[in-house]
Protein backbone atom coordinates (compact mmCIF):
# COMPACT_ATOMS: atom_id res chain seq x y z
CA ALA A 1 19.93 -28.98 38.49
CA LEU A 2 23.68 -29.09 38.30
CA SER A 3 25.95 -26.09 38.06
CA GLN A 4 28.82 -25.85 35.62
CA THR A 5 31.23 -27.22 38.24
CA GLY A 6 29.07 -30.26 38.78
CA GLY A 7 27.65 -29.35 42.20
CA GLU A 8 24.02 -28.87 43.07
CA VAL A 9 22.65 -25.36 42.61
CA GLY A 10 20.11 -25.54 45.39
CA MET A 11 22.23 -26.37 48.51
CA SER A 12 20.31 -25.93 51.71
CA MET A 13 20.98 -22.79 53.71
CA SER A 14 22.10 -24.72 56.79
CA GLU A 15 25.02 -26.26 54.89
CA ASN A 16 26.20 -22.85 53.72
CA ASP A 17 25.77 -21.25 57.16
CA ARG A 18 27.69 -23.86 59.16
CA GLY A 19 30.96 -21.93 58.97
CA GLN A 20 29.24 -18.70 59.96
CA ALA A 21 27.68 -20.33 63.01
CA THR A 22 31.12 -21.54 64.12
CA VAL A 23 32.56 -18.04 63.82
CA LEU A 24 29.57 -16.60 65.69
CA MET A 25 29.93 -19.20 68.46
CA LEU A 26 33.64 -18.45 68.81
CA ALA A 27 32.83 -14.74 69.07
CA VAL A 28 30.23 -15.39 71.80
CA VAL A 29 32.64 -17.64 73.74
CA GLY A 30 35.35 -14.98 73.41
CA LEU A 31 32.98 -12.33 74.70
CA VAL A 32 31.95 -14.46 77.68
CA VAL A 33 35.57 -15.29 78.57
CA GLY A 34 36.63 -11.66 78.17
CA SER A 35 33.76 -10.49 80.36
CA ALA A 36 34.61 -13.06 83.03
CA LEU A 37 38.23 -11.92 83.08
CA GLY A 38 37.13 -8.30 83.36
CA VAL A 39 34.80 -9.10 86.26
CA GLN A 40 37.59 -11.07 87.97
CA ALA A 41 39.93 -8.08 87.70
CA VAL A 42 37.33 -5.74 89.20
CA VAL A 43 36.60 -8.14 92.05
CA ALA A 44 40.32 -8.57 92.79
CA THR A 45 40.73 -4.78 92.95
CA LEU A 46 37.76 -4.42 95.29
CA VAL A 47 39.03 -7.18 97.56
CA SER A 48 42.51 -5.60 97.71
CA GLN A 49 40.99 -2.22 98.53
CA ALA A 50 38.85 -3.73 101.29
CA ARG A 51 41.84 -5.57 102.76
CA ALA A 52 43.91 -2.37 102.69
CA GLN A 53 41.12 -0.42 104.40
CA SER A 54 40.68 -3.07 107.10
CA ALA A 55 44.41 -3.12 107.80
CA ALA A 56 44.52 0.69 107.92
CA ASP A 57 41.56 0.80 110.33
CA ALA A 58 43.16 -1.74 112.67
CA ALA A 59 46.51 0.04 112.51
CA ALA A 60 44.96 3.44 113.22
CA LEU A 61 43.18 2.06 116.29
CA ARG A 62 46.46 0.56 117.49
CA ALA A 63 48.37 3.77 116.80
CA VAL A 64 45.93 5.94 118.73
CA THR A 65 46.19 3.68 121.78
CA VAL A 66 49.87 2.64 121.90
CA GLY A 67 51.65 4.71 119.23
CA CYS A 68 52.96 4.21 115.71
CA GLY A 69 55.78 1.92 116.78
CA ALA A 70 53.32 -0.88 117.37
CA VAL A 71 51.38 -0.82 114.09
CA THR A 72 53.81 -2.45 111.65
CA ASP A 73 53.00 -5.97 112.87
CA VAL A 74 49.26 -5.33 112.41
CA VAL A 75 49.77 -4.19 108.82
CA GLU A 76 52.24 -6.95 107.93
CA SER A 77 49.96 -9.64 109.35
CA ALA A 78 47.35 -8.48 106.83
CA GLY A 79 49.91 -8.80 104.03
CA GLY A 80 50.43 -5.06 103.69
CA ARG A 81 53.03 -2.37 103.97
CA LEU A 82 52.87 0.61 106.30
CA VAL A 83 53.25 3.74 104.15
CA SER A 84 52.93 6.28 106.95
CA CYS A 85 51.74 6.68 110.51
CA GLU A 86 51.24 9.86 112.44
CA ALA A 87 50.00 9.89 116.01
CA ARG A 88 49.61 13.22 117.78
CA GLY A 89 47.81 13.67 121.03
CA PHE A 90 44.46 11.91 120.78
CA ASP A 91 44.48 11.36 117.00
CA ALA A 92 46.24 9.00 114.58
CA VAL A 93 46.35 8.81 110.79
CA VAL A 94 47.69 5.68 109.08
CA VAL A 95 48.25 4.92 105.39
CA VAL A 96 48.58 1.27 104.32
CA GLU A 97 49.24 -0.39 100.97
CA ILE A 98 48.19 -3.91 99.99
CA ALA A 99 48.54 -5.32 96.47
CA GLY A 100 49.03 -1.87 94.98
CA ARG A 101 45.94 -0.39 96.68
CA SER A 102 46.36 2.18 99.42
CA ALA A 103 43.97 3.14 102.20
CA THR A 104 43.96 5.84 104.84
CA ALA A 105 42.38 5.52 108.27
CA ARG A 106 41.95 8.00 111.08
CA ALA A 107 41.26 7.18 114.70
CA SER A 108 40.66 9.34 117.75
CA ARG A 109 40.38 8.58 121.41
CA SER A 110 38.81 10.43 124.24
CA PRO A 111 41.16 12.38 126.51
CA ARG A 112 39.83 10.21 129.37
CA SER A 113 40.86 6.94 127.68
CA PRO A 114 43.92 5.19 129.11
């Protein structure tokens, strides 16, 4: 049967749904890409935090043994910035920043250590 415009009345459903499938596929691809970008951002943040913590740990160990004057090179070699360092007696506290993430580390040594 023909419609008043001359086309067939009974078009198959797959022909009518082709445009909808394209839109659905684009939505799925967009969701996958968006999720991947979100995961990448989370991973980058976690990596930066881990790098900052490692640099702070190394700097605190250095500060407790030889003083705060010797920790800047440790932090800079890790790509970070020394925010603060405080060494008193047998304890040291260091704060480091890398890629916008900061980390604090504390180290202590025995009074018998050299």
